[in-house]
PDB file of N, CA and C in Angstrom:
ATOM      1  N   MET A   1      -7.107  -7.549 -16.442  1.00  0.00           N
ATOM      2  CA  MET A   1      -5.612  -6.907 -15.761  1.00  0.00           C
ATOM      3  C   MET A   1      -4.561  -7.685 -16.775  1.00  0.00           C
ATOM      4  N   PRO A   2      -3.709  -6.990 -17.216  1.00  0.00           N
ATOM      5  CA  PRO A   2      -2.645  -7.745 -17.866  1.00  0.00           C
ATOM      6  C   PRO A   2      -1.812  -8.415 -16.876  1.00  0.00           C
ATOM      7  N   LYS A   3      -1.343  -9.421 -17.500  1.00  0.00           N
ATOM      8  CA  LYS A   3      -0.519 -10.491 -16.608  1.00  0.00           C
ATOM      9  C   LYS A   3       0.674  -9.921 -15.506  1.00  0.00           C
ATOM     10  N   GLY A   4       1.249  -8.832 -15.963  1.00  0.00           N
ATOM     11  CA  GLY A   4       2.357  -7.981 -15.288  1.00  0.00           C
ATOM     12  C   GLY A   4       2.103  -6.995 -14.370  1.00  0.00           C
ATOM     13  N   ASN A   5       0.587  -6.745 -14.381  1.00  0.00           N
ATOM     14  CA  ASN A   5      -0.092  -5.418 -13.363  1.00  0.00           C
ATOM     15  C   ASN A   5      -0.662  -6.349 -12.149  1.00  0.00           C
ATOM     16  N   PHE A   6      -0.391  -7.479 -11.637  1.00  0.00           N
ATOM     17  CA  PHE A   6      -0.806  -7.889 -10.377  1.00  0.00           C
ATOM     18  C   PHE A   6      -0.115  -7.388  -9.464  1.00  0.00           C
ATOM     19  N   LEU A   7      -0.806  -7.147  -8.120  1.00  0.00           N
ATOM     20  CA  LEU A   7       0.071  -6.643  -7.095  1.00  0.00           C
ATOM     21  C   LEU A   7       0.682  -7.799  -6.341  1.00  0.00           C
ATOM     22  N   ALA A   8       2.071  -7.476  -5.860  1.00  0.00           N
ATOM     23  CA  ALA A   8       2.547  -8.232  -4.961  1.00  0.00           C
ATOM     24  C   ALA A   8       2.239  -8.005  -3.425  1.00  0.00           C
ATOM     25  N   GLU A   9       2.135  -8.618  -2.214  1.00  0.00           N
ATOM     26  CA  GLU A   9       1.922  -8.482  -1.052  1.00  0.00           C
ATOM     27  C   GLU A   9       2.313  -7.184  -0.432  1.00  0.00           C
ATOM     28  N   PHE A  10       3.480  -6.771  -0.788  1.00  0.00           N
ATOM     29  CA  PHE A  10       3.844  -5.350   0.036  1.00  0.00           C
ATOM     30  C   PHE A  10       3.293  -4.578  -0.664  1.00  0.00           C
ATOM     31  N   GLU A  11       3.068  -4.429  -2.056  1.00  0.00           N
ATOM     32  CA  GLU A  11       2.562  -3.409  -2.855  1.00  0.00           C
ATOM     33  C   GLU A  11       0.945  -3.219  -2.365  1.00  0.00           C
ATOM     34  N   LEU A  12       0.165  -4.517  -2.197  1.00  0.00           N
ATOM     35  CA  LEU A  12      -1.090  -4.523  -1.844  1.00  0.00           C
ATOM     36  C   LEU A  12      -1.088  -3.579  -0.083  1.00  0.00           C
ATOM     37  N   TYR A  13      -0.260  -4.109   0.566  1.00  0.00           N
ATOM     38  CA  TYR A  13      -0.136  -3.337   1.990  1.00  0.00           C
ATOM     39  C   TYR A  13      -0.015  -1.824   1.726  1.00  0.00           C
ATOM     40  N   LEU A  14       0.952  -1.383   0.661  1.00  0.00           N
ATOM     41  CA  LEU A  14       1.079  -0.073   0.501  1.00  0.00           C
ATOM     42  C   LEU A  14      -0.131   0.751   0.144  1.00  0.00           C
ATOM     43  N   MET A  15      -0.706   0.172  -0.936  1.00  0.00           N
ATOM     44  CA  MET A  15      -2.027   0.671  -1.287  1.00  0.00           C
ATOM     45  C   MET A  15      -2.982   0.738  -0.441  1.00  0.00           C
ATOM     46  N   LEU A  16      -3.075  -0.379   0.445  1.00  0.00           N
ATOM     47  CA  LEU A  16      -4.192  -0.251   1.497  1.00  0.00           C
ATOM     48  C   LEU A  16      -3.994   0.954   2.417  1.00  0.00           C
ATOM     49  N   ALA A  17      -2.665   1.082   2.945  1.00  0.00           N
ATOM     50  CA  ALA A  17      -2.324   2.010   3.714  1.00  0.00           C
ATOM     51  C   ALA A  17      -2.767   3.434   3.094  1.00  0.00           C
ATOM     52  N   ILE A  18      -2.484   3.721   1.845  1.00  0.00           N
ATOM     53  CA  ILE A  18      -2.885   4.956   1.428  1.00  0.00           C
ATOM     54  C   ILE A  18      -4.078   5.339   1.242  1.00  0.00           C
ATOM     55  N   ALA A  19      -4.868   4.183   0.941  1.00  0.00           N
ATOM     56  CA  ALA A  19      -6.343   4.474   0.871  1.00  0.00           C
ATOM     57  C   ALA A  19      -6.859   4.809   2.215  1.00  0.00           C
ATOM     58  N   ARG A  20      -6.687   4.293   3.317  1.00  0.00           N
ATOM     59  CA  ARG A  20      -6.701   4.356   4.753  1.00  0.00           C
ATOM     60  C   ARG A  20      -6.188   5.819   5.235  1.00  0.00           C
ATOM     61  N   LEU A  21      -5.341   6.048   4.796  1.00  0.00           N
ATOM     62  CA  LEU A  21      -4.645   7.396   5.188  1.00  0.00           C
ATOM     63  C   LEU A  21      -4.983   8.524   4.439  1.00  0.00           C
ATOM     64  N   GLY A  22      -5.582   8.564   3.406  1.00  0.00           N
ATOM     65  CA  GLY A  22      -6.278   9.490   2.595  1.00  0.00           C
ATOM     66  C   GLY A  22      -5.318  10.798   2.300  1.00  0.00           C
ATOM     67  N   ASP A  23      -5.391  12.135   2.679  1.00  0.00           N
ATOM     68  CA  ASP A  23      -4.556  13.039   2.305  1.00  0.00           C
ATOM     69  C   ASP A  23      -3.197  12.966   3.284  1.00  0.00           C
ATOM     70  N   GLY A  24      -3.315  12.278   4.170  1.00  0.00           N
ATOM     71  CA  GLY A  24      -2.015  12.128   5.175  1.00  0.00           C
ATOM     72  C   GLY A  24      -1.014  10.980   4.923  1.00  0.00           C
ATOM     73  N   ALA A  25      -1.128  10.561   3.679  1.00  0.00           N
ATOM     74  CA  ALA A  25      -0.033   9.388   3.271  1.00  0.00           C
ATOM     75  C   ALA A  25       1.035   9.882   2.638  1.00  0.00           C
ATOM     76  N   TYR A  26       2.195   9.796   3.569  1.00  0.00           N
ATOM     77  CA  TYR A  26       3.394   9.992   2.971  1.00  0.00           C
ATOM     78  C   TYR A  26       4.217   8.991   3.714  1.00  0.00           C
ATOM     79  N   GLY A  27       5.734   8.813   3.284  1.00  0.00           N
ATOM     80  CA  GLY A  27       6.221   7.605   3.743  1.00  0.00           C
ATOM     81  C   GLY A  27       6.214   7.193   4.996  1.00  0.00           C
ATOM     82  N   VAL A  28       6.529   8.106   5.999  1.00  0.00           N
ATOM     83  CA  VAL A  28       6.521   7.761   7.462  1.00  0.00           C
ATOM     84  C   VAL A  28       5.058   7.068   8.017  1.00  0.00           C
ATOM     85  N   THR A  29       3.950   7.870   7.616  1.00  0.00           N
ATOM     86  CA  THR A  29       2.945   7.386   7.900  1.00  0.00           C
ATOM     87  C   THR A  29       2.267   6.067   7.214  1.00  0.00           C
ATOM     88  N   ILE A  30       2.869   5.992   5.961  1.00  0.00           N
ATOM     89  CA  ILE A  30       2.489   4.787   5.368  1.00  0.00           C
ATOM     90  C   ILE A  30       2.929   3.585   6.082  1.00  0.00           C
ATOM     91  N   ARG A  31       4.234   3.773   6.396  1.00  0.00           N
ATOM     92  CA  ARG A  31       5.075   2.962   7.281  1.00  0.00           C
ATOM     93  C   ARG A  31       4.613   2.405   8.372  1.00  0.00           C
ATOM     94  N   GLN A  32       4.151   3.338   9.214  1.00  0.00           N
ATOM     95  CA  GLN A  32       3.471   3.149  10.569  1.00  0.00           C
ATOM     96  C   GLN A  32       2.354   2.539  10.380  1.00  0.00           C
ATOM     97  N   GLU A  33       1.483   2.805   9.409  1.00  0.00           N
ATOM     98  CA  GLU A  33      -0.002   1.987   9.436  1.00  0.00           C
ATOM     99  C   GLU A  33       0.237   0.666   8.770  1.00  0.00           C
ATOM    100  N   ILE A  34       1.392   0.360   8.171  1.00  0.00           N
ATOM    101  CA  ILE A  34       1.484  -1.119   7.546  1.00  0.00           C
ATOM    102  C   ILE A  34       2.199  -1.912   9.030  1.00  0.00           C
ATOM    103  N   GLU A  35       2.972  -1.239   9.741  1.00  0.00           N
ATOM    104  CA  GLU A  35       3.487  -1.895  11.110  1.00  0.00           C
ATOM    105  C   GLU A  35       2.602  -2.017  11.972  1.00  0.00           C
ATOM    106  N   ARG A  36       1.712  -0.990  11.988  1.00  0.00           N
ATOM    107  CA  ARG A  36       0.638  -0.964  13.188  1.00  0.00           C
ATOM    108  C   ARG A  36      -0.454  -2.168  12.787  1.00  0.00           C
ATOM    109  N   ARG A  37      -0.753  -2.349  11.625  1.00  0.00           N
ATOM    110  CA  ARG A  37      -1.790  -3.133  11.262  1.00  0.00           C
ATOM    111  C   ARG A  37      -1.374  -4.679  10.949  1.00  0.00           C
ATOM    112  N   THR A  38       0.031  -4.858  10.509  1.00  0.00           N
ATOM    113  CA  THR A  38       0.595  -6.128  10.280  1.00  0.00           C
ATOM    114  C   THR A  38       1.398  -6.703  11.424  1.00  0.00           C
ATOM    115  N   GLY A  39       1.808  -5.874  12.313  1.00  0.00           N
ATOM    116  CA  GLY A  39       2.751  -6.112  13.178  1.00  0.00           C
ATOM    117  C   GLY A  39       4.132  -6.548  12.791  1.00  0.00           C
ATOM    118  N   ARG A  40       4.582  -6.116  11.461  1.00  0.00           N
ATOM    119  CA  ARG A  40       5.775  -6.793  10.904  1.00  0.00           C
ATOM    120  C   ARG A  40       6.673  -5.298  10.868  1.00  0.00           C
ATOM    121  N   PRO A  41       7.997  -5.291  11.095  1.00  0.00           N
ATOM    122  CA  PRO A  41       9.012  -4.281  10.918  1.00  0.00           C
ATOM    123  C   PRO A  41       8.761  -3.956   9.369  1.00  0.00           C
ATOM    124  N   VAL A  42       8.777  -2.688   9.062  1.00  0.00           N
ATOM    125  CA  VAL A  42       8.949  -2.131   7.508  1.00  0.00           C
ATOM    126  C   VAL A  42      10.179  -1.193   7.612  1.00  0.00           C
ATOM    127  N   SER A  43      11.012  -1.109   6.654  1.00  0.00           N
ATOM    128  CA  SER A  43      12.021  -0.304   6.356  1.00  0.00           C
ATOM    129  C   SER A  43      11.343   0.855   5.558  1.00  0.00           C
ATOM    130  N   ILE A  44      11.850   2.222   5.855  1.00  0.00           N
ATOM    131  CA  ILE A  44      11.473   2.938   5.212  1.00  0.00           C
ATOM    132  C   ILE A  44      12.100   3.180   3.696  1.00  0.00           C
ATOM    133  N   GLY A  45      13.079   2.575   3.457  1.00  0.00           N
ATOM    134  CA  GLY A  45      13.667   2.173   1.954  1.00  0.00           C
ATOM    135  C   GLY A  45      12.881   1.515   1.282  1.00  0.00           C
ATOM    136  N   ALA A  46      12.206   0.404   1.784  1.00  0.00           N
ATOM    137  CA  ALA A  46      11.239  -0.525   1.205  1.00  0.00           C
ATOM    138  C   ALA A  46      10.060   0.105   0.919  1.00  0.00           C
ATOM    139  N   VAL A  47       9.535   0.910   1.604  1.00  0.00           N
ATOM    140  CA  VAL A  47       8.264   1.783   1.460  1.00  0.00           C
ATOM    141  C   VAL A  47       8.442   2.729   0.551  1.00  0.00           C
ATOM    142  N   TYR A  48       9.692   3.548   0.271  1.00  0.00           N
ATOM    143  CA  TYR A  48      10.048   4.163  -0.969  1.00  0.00           C
ATOM    144  C   TYR A  48      10.376   3.715  -2.241  1.00  0.00           C
ATOM    145  N   ALA A  49      10.682   2.368  -2.165  1.00  0.00           N
ATOM    146  CA  ALA A  49      11.371   1.910  -3.636  1.00  0.00           C
ATOM    147  C   ALA A  49      10.057   1.027  -4.118  1.00  0.00           C
ATOM    148  N   THR A  50       9.089   0.837  -3.311  1.00  0.00           N
ATOM    149  CA  THR A  50       7.876   0.387  -3.653  1.00  0.00           C
ATOM    150  C   THR A  50       6.801   1.179  -4.142  1.00  0.00           C
ATOM    151  N   LEU A  51       6.812   2.526  -3.519  1.00  0.00           N
ATOM    152  CA  LEU A  51       6.262   3.632  -4.025  1.00  0.00           C
ATOM    153  C   LEU A  51       6.773   4.161  -5.356  1.00  0.00           C
ATOM    154  N   GLY A  52       7.874   3.969  -5.693  1.00  0.00           N
ATOM    155  CA  GLY A  52       8.325   4.074  -6.897  1.00  0.00           C
ATOM    156  C   GLY A  52       8.022   3.232  -8.162  1.00  0.00           C
ATOM    157  N   ARG A  53       8.057   1.961  -7.728  1.00  0.00           N
ATOM    158  CA  ARG A  53       7.319   1.015  -8.646  1.00  0.00           C
ATOM    159  C   ARG A  53       5.915   1.266  -8.829  1.00  0.00           C
ATOM    160  N   LEU A  54       5.104   1.777  -8.020  1.00  0.00           N
ATOM    161  CA  LEU A  54       3.960   1.790  -7.874  1.00  0.00           C
ATOM    162  C   LEU A  54       3.593   3.046  -8.873  1.00  0.00           C
ATOM    163  N   GLY A  55       4.284   4.132  -8.766  1.00  0.00           N
ATOM    164  CA  GLY A  55       4.345   5.268  -9.544  1.00  0.00           C
ATOM    165  C   GLY A  55       4.603   5.229 -10.866  1.00  0.00           C
ATOM    166  N   ASP A  56       5.717   3.914 -11.195  1.00  0.00           N
ATOM    167  CA  ASP A  56       6.047   3.860 -12.612  1.00  0.00           C
ATOM    168  C   ASP A  56       4.942   3.042 -13.433  1.00  0.00           C
ATOM    169  N   LYS A  57       4.423   2.087 -12.372  1.00  0.00           N
ATOM    170  CA  LYS A  57       3.020   1.609 -12.914  1.00  0.00           C
ATOM    171  C   LYS A  57       1.801   2.395 -13.205  1.00  0.00           C
ATOM    172  N   GLY A  58       1.949   3.696 -12.729  1.00  0.00           N
ATOM    173  CA  GLY A  58       0.734   4.492 -12.786  1.00  0.00           C
ATOM    174  C   GLY A  58      -0.100   4.150 -11.700  1.00  0.00           C
ATOM    175  N   LEU A  59      -0.047   3.401 -10.762  1.00  0.00           N
ATOM    176  CA  LEU A  59      -1.005   3.270  -9.549  1.00  0.00           C
ATOM    177  C   LEU A  59      -1.057   4.154  -8.568  1.00  0.00           C
ATOM    178  N   VAL A  60       0.016   4.918  -8.401  1.00  0.00           N
ATOM    179  CA  VAL A  60      -0.031   6.047  -7.268  1.00  0.00           C
ATOM    180  C   VAL A  60       0.648   7.424  -7.968  1.00  0.00           C
ATOM    181  N   SER A  61       0.149   8.274  -7.274  1.00  0.00           N
ATOM    182  CA  SER A  61       0.846   9.615  -7.638  1.00  0.00           C
ATOM    183  C   SER A  61       1.197  10.093  -6.472  1.00  0.00           C
ATOM    184  N   PHE A  62       1.865  11.460  -6.453  1.00  0.00           N
ATOM    185  CA  PHE A  62       2.350  12.112  -5.244  1.00  0.00           C
ATOM    186  C   PHE A  62       2.283  13.701  -5.648  1.00  0.00           C
ATOM    187  N   ARG A  63       2.068  14.556  -4.653  1.00  0.00           N
ATOM    188  CA  ARG A  63       2.338  16.055  -4.459  1.00  0.00           C
ATOM    189  C   ARG A  63       3.480  16.437  -3.426  1.00  0.00           C
ATOM    190  N   GLU A  64       4.290  17.244  -3.829  1.00  0.00           N
ATOM    191  CA  GLU A  64       4.977  17.662  -2.745  1.00  0.00           C
ATOM    192  C   GLU A  64       4.532  18.899  -1.802  1.00  0.00           C
ATOM    193  N   SER A  65       4.587  18.914  -0.593  1.00  0.00           N
ATOM    194  CA  SER A  65       4.243  19.821   0.155  1.00  0.00           C
ATOM    195  C   SER A  65       5.242  20.958   0.262  1.00  0.00           C
ATOM    196  N   ASP A  66       5.044  22.169   0.880  1.00  0.00           N
ATOM    197  CA  ASP A  66       5.728  23.111   1.149  1.00  0.00           C
ATOM    198  C   ASP A  66       6.754  22.596   2.534  1.00  0.00           C
ATOM    199  N   PRO A  67       8.075  23.248   2.161  1.00  0.00           N
ATOM    200  CA  PRO A  67       8.985  23.004   3.294  1.00  0.00           C
ATOM    201  C   PRO A  67       8.335  22.949   4.723  1.00  0.00           C
ATOM    202  N   LEU A  68       8.599  21.915   5.621  1.00  0.00           N
ATOM    203  CA  LEU A  68       8.061  22.265   6.968  1.00  0.00           C
ATOM    204  C   LEU A  68       8.708  23.543   7.606  1.00  0.00           C
ATOM    205  N   PRO A  69       8.063  24.272   8.368  1.00  0.00           N
ATOM    206  CA  PRO A  69       8.499  25.517   9.066  1.00  0.00           C
ATOM    207  C   PRO A  69       9.486  25.545  10.302  1.00  0.00           C
ATOM    208  N   VAL A  70      10.397  24.641   9.900  1.00  0.00           N
ATOM    209  CA  VAL A  70      11.554  24.603  10.987  1.00  0.00           C
ATOM    210  C   VAL A  70      12.800  24.875  10.266  1.00  0.00           C
ATOM    211  N   GLN A  71      14.073  25.132  10.949  1.00  0.00           N
ATOM    212  CA  GLN A  71      15.121  25.162  10.397  1.00  0.00           C
ATOM    213  C   GLN A  71      15.555  24.094   9.644  1.00  0.00           C
ATOM    214  N   GLY A  72      16.061  23.887   8.379  1.00  0.00           N
ATOM    215  CA  GLY A  72      16.105  22.901   7.488  1.00  0.00           C
ATOM    216  C   GLY A  72      15.166  22.104   7.199  1.00  0.00           C
ATOM    217  N   GLY A  73      13.991  22.513   7.448  1.00  0.00           N
ATOM    218  CA  GLY A  73      12.802  22.089   7.050  1.00  0.00           C
ATOM    219  C   GLY A  73      12.517  21.322   5.700  1.00  0.00           C
ATOM    220  N   ARG A  74      12.157  19.999   5.558  1.00  0.00           N
ATOM    221  CA  ARG A  74      12.243  19.588   4.058  1.00  0.00           C
ATOM    222  C   ARG A  74      10.792  19.359   3.859  1.00  0.00           C
ATOM    223  N   SER A  75      10.562  19.260   2.286  1.00  0.00           N
ATOM    224  CA  SER A  75       8.801  19.054   1.857  1.00  0.00           C
ATOM    225  C   SER A  75       8.810  17.411   2.351  1.00  0.00           C
ATOM    226  N   ARG A  76       7.671  17.331   1.902  1.00  0.00           N
ATOM    227  CA  ARG A  76       7.189  15.756   2.104  1.00  0.00           C
ATOM    228  C   ARG A  76       6.465  15.631   0.776  1.00  0.00           C
ATOM    229  N   LYS A  77       6.546  14.112   0.338  1.00  0.00           N
ATOM    230  CA  LYS A  77       5.798  13.610  -0.785  1.00  0.00           C
ATOM    231  C   LYS A  77       4.602  13.067  -0.376  1.00  0.00           C
ATOM    232  N   TYR A  78       3.495  13.597  -0.443  1.00  0.00           N
ATOM    233  CA  TYR A  78       2.171  12.933  -0.194  1.00  0.00           C
ATOM    234  C   TYR A  78       1.497  12.247  -1.256  1.00  0.00           C
ATOM    235  N   PHE A  79       1.258  10.634  -1.155  1.00  0.00           N
ATOM    236  CA  PHE A  79       0.793   9.851  -2.164  1.00  0.00           C
ATOM    237  C   PHE A  79      -0.882   9.751  -2.113  1.00  0.00           C
ATOM    238  N   ARG A  80      -1.315   9.344  -3.293  1.00  0.00           N
ATOM    239  CA  ARG A  80      -2.605   9.225  -3.384  1.00  0.00           C
ATOM    240  C   ARG A  80      -2.718   8.079  -4.636  1.00  0.00           C
ATOM    241  N   LEU A  81      -3.771   7.221  -4.336  1.00  0.00           N
ATOM    242  CA  LEU A  81      -3.893   6.072  -5.313  1.00  0.00           C
ATOM    243  C   LEU A  81      -4.633   6.900  -6.531  1.00  0.00           C
ATOM    244  N   THR A  82      -4.237   6.699  -7.664  1.00  0.00           N
ATOM    245  CA  THR A  82      -4.580   6.980  -9.118  1.00  0.00           C
ATOM    246  C   THR A  82      -6.063   5.988  -9.494  1.00  0.00           C
ATOM    247  N   ALA A  83      -6.902   6.544 -10.568  1.00  0.00           N
ATOM    248  CA  ALA A  83      -7.965   5.747 -10.973  1.00  0.00           C
ATOM    249  C   ALA A  83      -7.226   4.277 -11.179  1.00  0.00           C
ATOM    250  N   ALA A  84      -6.343   4.140 -11.318  1.00  0.00           N
ATOM    251  CA  ALA A  84      -5.805   2.791 -11.919  1.00  0.00           C
ATOM    252  C   ALA A  84      -5.595   2.110 -10.949  1.00  0.00           C
ATOM    253  N   GLY A  85      -5.233   2.638  -9.731  1.00  0.00           N
ATOM    254  CA  GLY A  85      -4.524   2.370  -8.670  1.00  0.00           C
ATOM    255  C   GLY A  85      -5.871   1.730  -7.722  1.00  0.00           C
ATOM    256  N   HIS A  86      -6.839   2.573  -7.816  1.00  0.00           N
ATOM    257  CA  HIS A  86      -8.276   1.968  -7.247  1.00  0.00           C
ATOM    258  C   HIS A  86      -8.773   0.816  -7.822  1.00  0.00           C
ATOM    259  N   LYS A  87      -8.688   0.697  -9.280  1.00  0.00           N
ATOM    260  CA  LYS A  87      -9.060  -0.309  -9.838  1.00  0.00           C
ATOM    261  C   LYS A  87      -8.092  -1.486  -9.576  1.00  0.00           C
ATOM    262  N   ALA A  88      -6.865  -1.547  -9.706  1.00  0.00           N
ATOM    263  CA  ALA A  88      -6.138  -2.401  -9.401  1.00  0.00           C
ATOM    264  C   ALA A  88      -6.223  -3.087  -7.840  1.00  0.00           C
ATOM    265  N   LEU A  89      -6.650  -2.053  -7.049  1.00  0.00           N
ATOM    266  CA  LEU A  89      -6.791  -2.529  -5.574  1.00  0.00           C
ATOM    267  C   LEU A  89      -8.222  -3.286  -5.242  1.00  0.00           C
ATOM    268  N   ARG A  90      -8.957  -2.904  -5.973  1.00  0.00           N
ATOM    269  CA  ARG A  90     -10.346  -3.545  -6.084  1.00  0.00           C
ATOM    270  C   ARG A  90     -10.280  -4.836  -6.486  1.00  0.00           C
ATOM    271  N   HIS A  91      -9.641  -4.910  -7.682  1.00  0.00           N
ATOM    272  CA  HIS A  91      -9.252  -6.463  -8.464  1.00  0.00           C
ATOM    273  C   HIS A  91      -8.495  -7.401  -7.635  1.00  0.00           C
ATOM    274  N   SER A  92      -7.540  -6.845  -6.919  1.00  0.00           N
ATOM    275  CA  SER A  92      -6.996  -7.732  -6.097  1.00  0.00           C
ATOM    276  C   SER A  92      -7.750  -8.099  -4.897  1.00  0.00           C
ATOM    277  N   ALA A  93      -8.585  -7.143  -4.261  1.00  0.00           N
ATOM    278  CA  ALA A  93      -9.564  -7.616  -3.268  1.00  0.00           C
ATOM    279  C   ALA A  93     -10.633  -8.792  -3.620  1.00  0.00           C
ATOM    280  N   MET A  94     -11.037  -8.402  -4.717  1.00  0.00           N
ATOM    281  CA  MET A  94     -11.962  -9.148  -5.288  1.00  0.00           C
ATOM    282  C   MET A  94     -11.431 -10.716  -5.624  1.00  0.00           C
ATOM    283  N   MET A  95     -10.004 -10.928  -6.122  1.00  0.00           N
ATOM    284  CA  MET A  95      -9.150 -12.078  -6.153  1.00  0.00           C
ATOM    285  C   MET A  95      -9.076 -12.640  -4.901  1.00  0.00           C
ATOM    286  N   LEU A  96      -8.780 -12.092  -4.013  1.00  0.00           N
ATOM    287  CA  LEU A  96      -8.585 -12.625  -2.479  1.00  0.00           C
ATOM    288  C   LEU A  96      -9.747 -13.304  -1.840  1.00  0.00           C
ATOM    289  N   GLU A  97     -10.696 -12.453  -1.989  1.00  0.00           N
ATOM    290  CA  GLU A  97     -12.098 -12.812  -1.699  1.00  0.00           C
ATOM    291  C   GLU A  97     -12.650 -14.111  -2.258  1.00  0.00           C
ATOM    292  N   ARG A  98     -12.488 -14.337  -3.499  1.00  0.00           N
ATOM    293  CA  ARG A  98     -12.863 -15.444  -4.252  1.00  0.00           C
ATOM    294  C   ARG A  98     -11.895 -16.559  -3.925  1.00  0.00           C
ATOM    295  N   MET A  99     -10.626 -16.405  -3.702  1.00  0.00           N
ATOM    296  CA  MET A  99      -9.916 -17.439  -3.158  1.00  0.00           C
ATOM    297  C   MET A  99     -10.137 -17.822  -1.862  1.00  0.00           C
ATOM    298  N   MET A 100     -10.435 -17.009  -0.741  1.00  0.00           N
ATOM    299  CA  MET A 100     -10.716 -17.122   0.273  1.00  0.00           C
ATOM    300  C   MET A 100     -12.114 -18.021   0.755  1.00  0.00           C
ATOM    301  N   GLU A 101     -13.102 -17.800  -0.163  1.00  0.00           N
ATOM    302  CA  GLU A 101     -14.277 -17.891  -0.178  1.00  0.00           C
ATOM    303  C   GLU A 101     -14.490 -19.544   0.272  1.00  0.00           C
ATOM    304  N   GLY A 102     -15.545 -19.847   1.466  1.00  0.00           N
ATOM    305  CA  GLY A 102     -15.733 -21.240   2.020  1.00  0.00           C
ATOM    306  C   GLY A 102     -14.604 -21.844   2.802  1.00  0.00           C
ATOM    307  N   LEU A 103     -13.207 -21.159   3.035  1.00  0.00           N
ATOM    308  CA  LEU A 103     -12.341 -21.578   3.832  1.00  0.00           C
ATOM    309  C   LEU A 103     -12.616 -21.017   5.251  1.00  0.00           C
ATOM    310  N   GLU A 104     -12.267 -22.024   5.984  1.00  0.00           N
ATOM    311  CA  GLU A 104     -12.073 -21.673   7.575  1.00  0.00           C
ATOM    312  C   GLU A 104     -10.882 -21.458   7.949  1.00  0.00           C
ATOM    313  N   LEU A 105     -10.249 -19.981   8.310  1.00  0.00           N
ATOM    314  CA  LEU A 105      -9.050 -19.591   8.734  1.00  0.00           C
ATOM    315  C   LEU A 105      -8.813 -19.371  10.058  1.00  0.00           C
ATOM    316  N   GLY A 106     -10.030 -19.790  10.748  1.00  0.00           N
ATOM    317  CA  GLY A 106      -9.616 -19.534  12.281  1.00  0.00           C
ATOM    318  C   GLY A 106      -8.713 -20.460  12.746  1.00  0.00           C
ATOM    319  N   ALA A 107      -8.215 -20.567  14.275  1.00  0.00           N
ATOM    320  CA  ALA A 107      -7.166 -21.212  14.777  1.00  0.00           C
ATOM    321  C   ALA A 107      -7.379 -22.721  14.631  1.00  0.00           C
ATOM    322  N   LYS A 108      -8.759 -23.212  14.601  1.00  0.00           N
ATOM    323  CA  LYS A 108      -9.009 -24.526  14.422  1.00  0.00           C
ATOM    324  C   LYS A 108      -9.011 -25.107  12.982  1.00  0.00           C
ATOM    325  N   SER A 109      -8.598 -24.240  12.047  1.00  0.00           N
ATOM    326  CA  SER A 109      -8.493 -24.779  10.606  1.00  0.00           C
ATOM    327  C   SER A 109      -7.279 -25.542  10.495  1.00  0.00           C
ATOM    328  N   SER A 110      -7.476 -26.491   9.524  1.00  0.00           N
ATOM    329  CA  SER A 110      -6.415 -27.287   9.229  1.00  0.00           C
ATOM    330  C   SER A 110      -5.737 -27.257   8.117  1.00  0.00           C
ATOM    331  N   PRO A 111      -4.256 -27.296   7.957  1.00  0.00           N
ATOM    332  CA  PRO A 111      -3.452 -26.788   6.761  1.00  0.00           C
ATOM    333  C   PRO A 111      -4.083 -27.421   5.440  1.00  0.00           C
ATOM    334  N   ALA A 112      -3.757 -26.853   4.378  1.00  0.00           N
ATOM    335  CA  ALA A 112      -4.072 -27.441   3.309  1.00  0.00           C
ATOM    336  C   ALA A 112      -3.378 -28.736   2.770  1.00  0.00           C
ATOM    337  N   GLN A 113      -3.841 -29.765   2.163  1.00  0.00           N
ATOM    338  CA  GLN A 113      -3.264 -30.896   1.991  1.00  0.00           C
ATOM    339  C   GLN A 113      -2.944 -31.036   0.566  1.00  0.00           C
TER     340      GLN A 113
END
């Protein structure tokens, strides 16, 4: 993987949320999934800015839905991982596994010295 293509933490969270949500991955559900799993508040602006960067990198794509059937209903952008996105996600997961191998990360582990 070229040097500039590594995933930042929040990009990784977004891609994992998209992978988990499947066809239901749009801005609000992605935000909710990250907040639910990390316990961390996430702004919708950060979600869409990061999705834009991931799209520019060719790691995610989207399709637009028909407008919602309510007065003033808007369409939604549903996101999915591209083949390159799946590859980048697998690569990042493997790197994390290798870095964590042999570490005790439970409550009793001591900080690195």
